[in-house]
Amino acid sequence: MPDTQPAAPFARRLLSLARENPDQVRWIGAVVGIFLLIYFLPAGTARFDNAVLEGIRLTHWYAQEHVILCLLPAFLIAGAMAAYLSQGAVMRYLGPAAPKPVAFGMASVSGMLLAVCSCTVLPLFGGIYKRGAGLGPAVAFLYSGPAINVMAVVVTAKVLGLELGLARAIGAIVFAVVIGVIMHLIYRREELARSQQSARGFGVDDDGRPLGQVAAFFGLMIGILVFANWAAADSPTWMAIHAWKWQITAALGGLFALLLMRRWGWPLRQVAMLTGAVALAALLVPGVPELAFAVGIIGIMLIATLREDDREWAEQSWDFTKQIMPLLLAGVFVAGLLLGRPGEEGLIPSEWVVMAVGDNGFQSTFLASLLGGFMYFSTLTEVPIVQGLIGNGMGKGSALALLLAGPALSLPNMLVIRTIMGTQKTVVYCTLVVVMATFTGYLYGQLWP
């Protein structure tokens, strides 16, 4: 007998079965989606094949230029924040209940002093947020780190004009505070509950080590991060420091080793062996200072792992590495695949970008903010890129929008932020950056075309 059962009951049973097994449905959807993506890939076409190579080249460049010198010390600092930074102090100065002028002022200034890219700031943001900093101040720090870069503002004024340099400086400072305040207001109830929960078990005198020791500890690590990444720029003073960057980094490293022995109680023998290993790497391969730098960081983590009092430092640093590194590398590859490296082609043709941002209209400034938010800029690279776009007809308003959104956001940056503060907050934060950059760029383009 043929099956004459109506289709509707069959469909209802199928939907009911799907609701009873949501995990299996997600797996089936993922498998089918990945298969269709691979099946319909335009492999063999010149643009697609070149875009894949651009993704690989950008990831290769990122690994060489940023992982060892930027991310490894950032993971080290973030782990130390989680292990040593007094939660009582964080709650007092950066927590949801802290005085807002103090909290936002400290977050903005500390972020500004780092002068890091949108990816290097992520472990540091995760460290202070995990330790109890309020969402508003933490987000102000997240934006100000890559956006309020003093040297980048100076270079912008010198290369693109004083007017655009001042507009970038003022806009970035205002953005850091305003975006942080808006995020605080939107999630104030949730943050109050988080503040009360975080405060449980911590007394008002939960200050851990003496403040001077902690300040010296973090100050030396941040100094090592900053000077190891001191980039070349068109400034005699800046280049004078750049010529001595590794000597300064080595001196700070020596002071840090001394601090670990004198105040953290690390054995002289272990620190001396690590110092010898770093010196040997520097002597054997003098043209690759990254090797000695990596040996120093790995050695510090190994010694911390073997010490009961400092094992949490190593564990927290490793947790940040596992959480952030895979997403960053995947995000950098996708950014290269879509947009290519500066001056090279990805899947999205560069002439489309130039045409889209070719005036000071609202649409152009919005597209400049949006594209800038997905592109990856290392420190100072956004200036020559914008200079090239302006030379190809980009409007000043679109240029300012890109300068305000681009350095603070990137696709890998967004992927990692989501794991730290959730999808909804990440969407709100990214939307605020893009919207504010769009309106600021549009107004600037209309007033000073």
Protein backbone atom coordinates (compact mmCIF):
# COMPACT_ATOMS: atom_id res chain seq x y z
CA MET A 1 0.00 0.00 0.00
CA PRO A 2 1.45 3.47 -0.87
CA ASP A 3 1.98 5.88 1.99
CA THR A 4 -0.89 8.35 1.87
CA GLN A 5 0.01 10.10 5.11
CA PRO A 6 -0.33 13.90 4.68
CA ALA A 7 2.85 15.97 4.48
CA ALA A 8 1.82 18.36 7.27
CA PRO A 9 1.94 15.79 10.13
CA PHE A 10 5.29 14.56 8.78
CA ALA A 11 6.67 18.10 8.85
CA ARG A 12 5.35 18.65 12.38
CA ARG A 13 7.02 15.42 13.56
CA LEU A 14 10.25 16.48 11.91
CA LEU A 15 10.14 19.90 13.61
CA SER A 16 9.33 18.26 16.93
CA LEU A 17 12.30 15.91 16.51
CA ALA A 18 14.54 18.88 15.70
CA ARG A 19 13.39 20.75 18.84
CA GLU A 20 14.14 17.65 20.94
CA ASN A 21 17.69 17.38 19.52
CA PRO A 22 18.98 20.97 19.05
CA ASP A 23 22.64 19.97 19.32
CA GLN A 24 22.32 17.48 16.48
CA VAL A 25 20.52 20.06 14.33
CA ARG A 26 23.34 22.55 14.89
CA TRP A 27 25.91 19.92 13.96
CA ILE A 28 24.03 19.01 10.79
CA GLY A 29 23.68 22.68 9.89
CA ALA A 30 27.38 23.30 10.48
CA VAL A 31 28.44 20.28 8.41
CA VAL A 32 26.11 21.21 5.54
CA GLY A 33 27.16 24.86 5.67
CA ILE A 34 30.89 24.04 5.62
CA PHE A 35 30.38 21.54 2.79
CA LEU A 36 28.46 24.07 0.66
CA LEU A 37 31.08 26.73 1.36
CA ILE A 38 33.89 24.44 0.24
CA TYR A 39 31.89 23.10 -2.72
CA PHE A 40 31.17 26.54 -4.15
CA LEU A 41 34.56 28.16 -3.42
CA PRO A 42 35.76 29.96 -6.56
CA ALA A 43 39.11 28.17 -6.34
CA GLY A 44 41.23 28.62 -9.43
CA THR A 45 40.13 32.18 -10.14
CA ALA A 46 42.93 34.74 -9.99
CA ARG A 47 41.25 37.06 -7.46
CA PHE A 48 40.29 34.28 -5.03
CA ASP A 49 43.68 32.56 -5.17
CA ASN A 50 45.48 35.88 -4.66
CA ALA A 51 43.13 36.77 -1.78
CA VAL A 52 43.96 33.49 -0.03
CA LEU A 53 47.66 34.27 -0.44
CA GLU A 54 47.05 37.77 0.94
CA GLY A 55 45.37 36.25 3.99
CA ILE A 56 48.35 33.96 4.51
CA ARG A 57 50.85 36.78 3.94
CA LEU A 58 49.08 39.10 6.38
CA THR A 59 48.94 36.35 9.01
CA HIS A 60 52.64 35.59 8.39
CA TRP A 61 53.50 39.29 8.76
CA TYR A 62 51.38 39.55 11.91
CA ALA A 63 53.11 36.52 13.46
CA GLN A 64 56.55 37.98 12.72
CA GLU A 65 55.86 41.57 13.74
CA HIS A 66 53.33 41.38 16.55
CA VAL A 67 53.07 38.02 18.32
CA ILE A 68 56.48 37.95 20.03
CA LEU A 69 56.99 41.64 20.75
CA CYS A 70 53.36 42.70 21.31
CA LEU A 71 51.16 39.81 22.34
CA LEU A 72 53.54 37.76 24.51
CA PRO A 73 54.34 40.66 26.87
CA ALA A 74 50.66 41.68 26.79
CA PHE A 75 49.66 38.16 27.90
CA LEU A 76 52.33 38.35 30.60
CA ILE A 77 50.98 41.69 31.88
CA ALA A 78 47.35 40.51 31.70
CA GLY A 79 48.18 37.37 33.68
CA ALA A 80 50.00 39.47 36.27
CA MET A 81 46.96 41.74 36.56
CA ALA A 82 44.78 38.75 37.34
CA ALA A 83 47.29 37.30 39.80
CA TYR A 84 48.78 40.30 41.60
CA LEU A 85 46.61 43.37 41.06
CA SER A 86 44.61 44.03 44.18
CA GLN A 87 40.94 43.57 43.44
CA GLY A 88 40.19 46.04 46.20
CA ALA A 89 42.26 48.71 44.43
CA VAL A 90 40.70 47.93 41.05
CA MET A 91 37.22 48.17 42.52
CA ARG A 92 38.12 51.43 44.28
CA TYR A 93 39.51 53.21 41.23
CA LEU A 94 37.99 51.45 38.21
CA GLY A 95 35.01 49.52 39.58
CA PRO A 96 31.34 50.24 38.74
CA ALA A 97 30.91 52.13 42.03
CA ALA A 98 34.14 54.17 41.71
CA PRO A 99 33.87 57.96 41.20
CA LYS A 100 33.30 58.38 37.48
CA PRO A 101 35.83 61.20 36.87
CA VAL A 102 38.52 59.12 38.57
CA ALA A 103 37.58 55.86 36.83
CA PHE A 104 37.27 57.25 33.31
CA GLY A 105 40.26 59.55 33.76
CA MET A 106 42.53 56.70 34.87
CA ALA A 107 41.27 54.36 32.15
CA SER A 108 41.76 56.91 29.36
CA VAL A 109 45.18 58.10 30.52
CA SER A 110 46.55 54.60 31.15
CA GLY A 111 45.32 53.45 27.76
CA MET A 112 46.87 56.49 26.08
CA LEU A 113 50.27 55.82 27.66
CA LEU A 114 50.43 52.30 26.21
CA ALA A 115 50.23 53.28 22.51
CA VAL A 116 49.38 49.73 21.38
CA CYS A 117 47.37 48.33 18.47
CA SER A 118 43.78 47.07 18.60
CA CYS A 119 44.93 43.48 19.24
CA THR A 120 47.69 44.06 21.81
CA VAL A 121 45.28 45.98 24.05
CA LEU A 122 42.92 42.98 24.29
CA PRO A 123 44.74 40.90 26.95
CA LEU A 124 45.20 44.05 29.04
CA PHE A 125 41.52 44.92 28.70
CA GLY A 126 40.60 41.36 29.64
CA GLY A 127 42.91 41.54 32.65
CA ILE A 128 41.41 44.66 34.23
CA TYR A 129 37.84 43.64 33.34
CA LYS A 130 38.31 40.18 34.85
CA ARG A 131 39.78 41.76 37.98
CA GLY A 132 36.65 43.83 38.57
CA ALA A 133 36.93 47.03 36.54
CA GLY A 134 33.59 48.51 35.57
CA LEU A 135 32.40 48.05 32.00
CA GLY A 136 32.53 51.79 31.26
CA PRO A 137 36.13 52.42 32.38
CA ALA A 138 37.28 49.12 30.86
CA VAL A 139 35.76 50.07 27.50
CA ALA A 140 37.32 53.55 27.73
CA PHE A 141 40.68 51.82 28.24
CA LEU A 142 39.92 49.43 25.35
CA TYR A 143 39.30 52.33 22.97
CA SER A 144 41.97 54.72 24.21
CA GLY A 145 44.87 52.22 24.02
CA PRO A 146 45.03 52.02 20.21
CA ALA A 147 43.12 55.23 19.36
CA ILE A 148 44.79 57.90 21.55
CA ASN A 149 48.34 57.20 20.43
CA VAL A 150 50.33 60.38 20.99
CA MET A 151 52.88 59.68 18.28
CA ALA A 152 50.18 58.63 15.80
CA VAL A 153 48.43 61.95 16.39
CA VAL A 154 51.72 63.84 15.85
CA VAL A 155 52.43 61.90 12.65
CA THR A 156 48.86 62.51 11.47
CA ALA A 157 49.28 66.26 11.95
CA LYS A 158 52.64 66.25 10.18
CA VAL A 159 51.63 64.07 7.21
CA LEU A 160 47.93 64.88 6.79
CA GLY A 161 47.87 68.41 8.18
CA LEU A 162 47.53 70.05 11.59
CA GLU A 163 43.78 70.40 11.19
CA LEU A 164 43.19 66.67 10.72
CA GLY A 165 45.70 65.81 13.45
CA LEU A 166 43.89 67.98 16.00
CA ALA A 167 40.51 66.63 14.91
CA ARG A 168 41.77 63.09 15.43
CA ALA A 169 43.23 63.88 18.87
CA ILE A 170 40.12 65.66 20.15
CA GLY A 171 37.75 63.09 18.64
CA ALA A 172 39.62 60.11 20.09
CA ILE A 173 39.78 61.57 23.61
CA VAL A 174 36.07 62.44 23.55
CA PHE A 175 35.18 59.04 22.07
CA ALA A 176 36.95 57.13 24.84
CA VAL A 177 34.97 58.88 27.57
CA VAL A 178 31.61 59.10 25.77
CA ILE A 179 31.59 55.47 24.62
CA GLY A 180 32.58 54.32 28.09
CA VAL A 181 29.86 56.43 29.72
CA ILE A 182 27.19 55.16 27.29
CA MET A 183 28.19 51.54 27.90
CA HIS A 184 28.04 52.17 31.66
CA LEU A 185 24.57 53.72 31.41
CA ILE A 186 23.18 50.95 29.19
CA TYR A 187 24.40 48.16 31.48
CA ARG A 188 24.41 49.98 34.83
CA ARG A 189 22.08 47.52 36.59
CA GLU A 190 24.03 44.52 35.39
CA GLU A 191 27.27 46.23 36.37
CA LEU A 192 25.96 47.04 39.84
CA ALA A 193 25.07 43.39 40.39
CA ARG A 194 28.50 42.36 39.08
CA SER A 195 30.14 44.88 41.40
CA GLN A 196 28.33 43.48 44.44
CA GLN A 197 29.20 39.92 43.49
CA SER A 198 32.87 40.76 42.84
CA ALA A 199 33.17 42.58 46.15
CA ARG A 200 32.18 39.53 48.19
CA GLY A 201 35.10 38.17 50.11
CA PHE A 202 37.28 41.25 49.54
CA GLY A 203 37.77 43.66 52.36
CA VAL A 204 38.57 47.31 52.03
CA ASP A 205 42.20 46.55 52.93
CA ASP A 206 42.59 43.91 50.23
CA ASP A 207 45.71 45.59 48.89
CA GLY A 208 48.06 42.59 48.51
CA ARG A 209 51.65 43.73 48.01
CA PRO A 210 52.73 47.30 48.79
CA LEU A 211 51.59 49.81 46.19
CA GLY A 212 55.14 50.89 45.34
CA GLN A 213 56.19 47.32 44.53
CA VAL A 214 53.14 46.70 42.37
CA ALA A 215 53.56 50.02 40.55
CA ALA A 216 57.22 49.28 39.81
CA PHE A 217 56.35 45.73 38.71
CA PHE A 218 53.73 46.81 36.17
CA GLY A 219 55.59 49.98 35.20
CA LEU A 220 58.68 48.01 34.18
CA MET A 221 56.66 45.46 32.20
CA ILE A 222 54.72 48.17 30.39
CA GLY A 223 57.97 50.02 29.70
CA ILE A 224 59.43 46.85 28.16
CA LEU A 225 56.30 46.45 26.01
CA VAL A 226 56.38 50.08 24.84
CA PHE A 227 60.10 50.34 24.02
CA ALA A 228 60.36 46.91 22.40
CA ASN A 229 57.63 48.04 19.99
CA TRP A 230 58.97 51.57 19.44
CA ALA A 231 58.29 52.04 15.73
CA ALA A 232 60.21 54.19 13.26
CA ALA A 233 58.64 57.56 12.43
CA ASP A 234 59.50 60.80 10.66
CA SER A 235 60.71 62.60 13.78
CA PRO A 236 64.35 63.13 14.90
CA THR A 237 63.48 62.77 18.58
CA TRP A 238 61.39 59.67 17.97
CA MET A 239 64.15 58.11 15.82
CA ALA A 240 66.80 58.92 18.44
CA ILE A 241 64.85 56.80 20.91
CA HIS A 242 64.25 54.17 18.21
CA ALA A 243 68.02 53.81 17.70
CA TRP A 244 68.41 52.88 21.39
CA LYS A 245 65.17 50.91 21.80
CA TRP A 246 66.82 47.55 22.48
CA GLN A 247 69.38 48.97 24.90
CA ILE A 248 66.54 50.67 26.81
CA THR A 249 64.50 47.45 26.71
CA ALA A 250 67.49 45.47 28.04
CA ALA A 251 68.02 47.97 30.87
CA LEU A 252 64.36 47.76 31.86
CA GLY A 253 64.60 43.96 31.70
CA GLY A 254 67.59 44.05 34.06
CA LEU A 255 65.68 46.23 36.53
CA PHE A 256 62.71 43.86 36.28
CA ALA A 257 64.95 40.86 37.06
CA LEU A 258 66.35 42.74 40.06
CA LEU A 259 62.83 43.51 41.27
CA LEU A 260 61.81 39.85 40.97
CA MET A 261 64.78 38.83 43.14
CA ARG A 262 64.54 41.60 45.72
CA ARG A 263 60.76 41.89 46.16
CA TRP A 264 59.25 38.73 44.67
CA GLY A 265 61.83 36.41 46.25
CA TRP A 266 62.99 34.71 43.06
CA PRO A 267 66.24 32.71 43.51
CA LEU A 268 69.42 34.35 42.19
CA ARG A 269 70.50 31.13 40.46
CA GLN A 270 67.32 30.81 38.38
CA VAL A 271 67.29 34.49 37.39
CA ALA A 272 71.01 34.36 36.54
CA MET A 273 70.47 31.29 34.31
CA LEU A 274 67.63 33.03 32.50
CA THR A 275 69.69 36.21 32.08
CA GLY A 276 72.52 34.13 30.62
CA ALA A 277 70.14 32.41 28.19
CA VAL A 278 68.78 35.77 27.01
CA ALA A 279 72.30 37.20 26.60
CA LEU A 280 73.44 34.09 24.70
CA ALA A 281 70.49 34.32 22.30
CA ALA A 282 71.25 38.01 21.71
CA LEU A 283 74.93 37.28 21.03
CA LEU A 284 74.37 34.27 18.77
CA VAL A 285 71.62 35.88 16.67
CA PRO A 286 72.14 39.65 17.05
CA GLY A 287 70.03 40.42 13.98
CA VAL A 288 66.92 38.79 15.49
CA PRO A 289 66.30 40.45 18.87
CA GLU A 290 62.87 38.81 18.94
CA LEU A 291 64.60 35.51 19.80
CA ALA A 292 66.17 36.87 22.98
CA PHE A 293 62.89 38.60 23.82
CA ALA A 294 60.95 35.33 23.47
CA VAL A 295 63.53 33.42 25.53
CA GLY A 296 63.12 35.96 28.34
CA ILE A 297 59.32 35.73 28.41
CA ILE A 298 59.24 31.92 28.19
CA GLY A 299 61.86 31.69 30.93
CA ILE A 300 59.88 33.98 33.23
CA MET A 301 56.78 31.85 32.74
CA LEU A 302 58.71 28.62 33.41
CA ILE A 303 60.15 29.96 36.65
CA ALA A 304 56.74 31.28 37.72
CA THR A 305 55.20 27.86 37.00
CA LEU A 306 57.72 26.15 39.30
CA ARG A 307 57.04 28.58 42.15
CA GLU A 308 53.95 28.00 44.28
CA ASP A 309 53.53 31.71 45.05
CA ASP A 310 53.67 32.75 41.37
CA ARG A 311 52.06 29.79 39.58
CA GLU A 312 48.80 31.67 39.19
CA TRP A 313 50.63 34.29 37.11
CA ALA A 314 51.68 31.64 34.59
CA GLU A 315 48.26 29.96 34.63
CA GLN A 316 46.38 33.23 34.04
CA SER A 317 48.76 34.22 31.22
CA TRP A 318 48.26 30.84 29.58
CA ASP A 319 44.48 31.15 29.90
CA PHE A 320 44.56 34.51 28.09
CA THR A 321 46.82 33.03 25.40
CA LYS A 322 44.47 30.10 24.76
CA GLN A 323 41.44 32.36 24.68
CA ILE A 324 42.80 35.11 22.47
CA MET A 325 45.55 33.82 20.18
CA PRO A 326 43.53 31.45 17.92
CA LEU A 327 40.82 34.05 17.33
CA LEU A 328 43.35 36.76 16.57
CA LEU A 329 45.19 34.68 13.97
CA ALA A 330 41.91 33.56 12.37
CA GLY A 331 40.64 37.13 12.31
CA VAL A 332 43.85 38.47 10.77
CA PHE A 333 43.65 35.82 8.02
CA VAL A 334 40.04 36.70 7.21
CA ALA A 335 40.87 40.43 7.20
CA GLY A 336 43.68 39.77 4.73
CA LEU A 337 41.44 37.54 2.63
CA LEU A 338 38.76 40.23 2.32
CA LEU A 339 40.80 43.44 2.15
CA GLY A 340 44.37 42.35 1.50
CA ARG A 341 47.45 44.02 2.88
CA PRO A 342 48.07 47.77 2.40
CA GLY A 343 48.63 48.28 -1.30
CA GLU A 344 47.54 44.74 -2.21
CA GLU A 345 44.24 43.23 -3.35
CA GLY A 346 41.88 40.98 -1.40
CA LEU A 347 38.44 39.71 -2.38
CA ILE A 348 37.09 43.27 -2.15
CA PRO A 349 38.70 45.32 -4.97
CA SER A 350 40.57 48.38 -3.70
CA GLU A 351 38.97 50.57 -6.37
CA TRP A 352 35.59 49.80 -4.78
CA VAL A 353 36.92 51.12 -1.47
CA VAL A 354 38.28 54.28 -3.11
CA MET A 355 35.02 54.89 -4.98
CA ALA A 356 32.96 54.29 -1.83
CA VAL A 357 34.82 56.88 0.27
CA GLY A 358 35.52 59.43 -2.44
CA ASP A 359 33.71 62.41 -0.91
CA ASN A 360 32.49 63.93 2.37
CA GLY A 361 28.94 62.63 2.09
CA PHE A 362 27.23 60.67 4.83
CA GLN A 363 27.40 57.38 2.91
CA SER A 364 31.13 57.77 2.30
CA THR A 365 31.91 58.53 5.95
CA PHE A 366 29.77 55.59 7.09
CA LEU A 367 31.53 53.20 4.70
CA ALA A 368 34.92 54.57 5.79
CA SER A 369 34.02 53.90 9.45
CA LEU A 370 32.67 50.44 8.67
CA LEU A 371 35.58 49.34 6.48
CA GLY A 372 38.07 50.85 8.92
CA GLY A 373 36.42 48.88 11.71
CA PHE A 374 37.08 45.59 9.91
CA MET A 375 40.60 46.37 8.66
CA TYR A 376 43.66 45.68 10.81
CA PHE A 377 46.09 48.58 11.41
CA SER A 378 49.29 48.15 13.36
CA THR A 379 50.60 51.21 15.20
CA LEU A 380 51.24 54.19 12.87
CA THR A 381 50.36 52.28 9.65
CA GLU A 382 46.95 53.93 9.35
CA VAL A 383 48.53 57.31 8.48
CA PRO A 384 50.26 56.32 5.21
CA ILE A 385 47.21 54.27 4.22
CA VAL A 386 44.91 57.26 4.69
CA GLN A 387 47.45 59.46 2.90
CA GLY A 388 47.27 57.15 -0.12
CA LEU A 389 43.47 57.13 -0.05
CA ILE A 390 43.35 60.93 0.15
CA GLY A 391 45.69 61.03 -2.83
CA ASN A 392 43.15 58.91 -4.71
CA GLY A 393 40.28 61.26 -3.91
CA MET A 394 39.16 60.34 -0.38
CA GLY A 395 37.29 63.14 1.40
CA LYS A 396 38.64 64.64 4.64
CA GLY A 397 35.50 63.64 6.53
CA SER A 398 35.87 60.02 5.42
CA ALA A 399 39.56 60.16 6.34
CA LEU A 400 38.77 61.32 9.88
CA ALA A 401 36.07 58.65 10.23
CA LEU A 402 38.56 55.96 9.25
CA LEU A 403 41.20 57.34 11.64
CA LEU A 404 38.73 57.29 14.54
CA ALA A 405 37.29 53.82 13.89
CA GLY A 406 40.13 51.93 12.21
CA PRO A 407 42.91 51.84 14.85
CA ALA A 408 40.44 51.03 17.68
CA LEU A 409 38.61 48.20 15.89
CA SER A 410 39.48 45.29 13.65
CA LEU A 411 37.91 41.96 12.78
CA PRO A 412 40.26 39.97 15.07
CA ASN A 413 39.67 42.58 17.78
CA MET A 414 35.89 42.07 17.56
CA LEU A 415 36.18 38.27 17.72
CA VAL A 416 38.19 38.42 20.94
CA ILE A 417 36.10 41.15 22.63
CA ARG A 418 33.07 38.89 22.18
CA THR A 419 34.70 36.16 24.28
CA ILE A 420 35.45 38.64 27.07
CA MET A 421 32.22 40.60 27.45
CA GLY A 422 29.67 38.70 25.31
CA THR A 423 28.04 39.17 21.93
CA GLN A 424 25.55 41.88 22.86
CA LYS A 425 28.04 44.21 24.54
CA THR A 426 30.50 43.69 21.69
CA VAL A 427 27.86 44.63 19.10
CA VAL A 428 26.89 47.73 21.13
CA TYR A 429 30.52 48.81 21.53
CA CYS A 430 31.40 48.34 17.85
CA THR A 431 28.20 50.08 16.78
CA LEU A 432 28.96 53.07 19.02
CA VAL A 433 32.46 53.40 17.56
CA VAL A 434 31.22 53.21 13.95
CA VAL A 435 28.24 55.54 14.51
CA MET A 436 30.24 58.17 16.39
CA ALA A 437 33.07 58.02 13.84
CA THR A 438 30.53 58.40 11.03
CA PHE A 439 28.79 61.46 12.45
CA THR A 440 32.06 63.09 13.55
CA GLY A 441 33.62 62.53 10.13
CA TYR A 442 30.49 63.79 8.36
CA LEU A 443 30.31 66.99 10.42
CA TYR A 444 34.04 67.59 9.97
CA GLY A 445 33.74 67.08 6.21
CA GLN A 446 30.87 69.55 5.99
CA LEU A 447 32.51 72.23 8.12
CA TRP A 448 36.08 71.88 6.77
CA PRO A 449 35.80 70.34 3.29
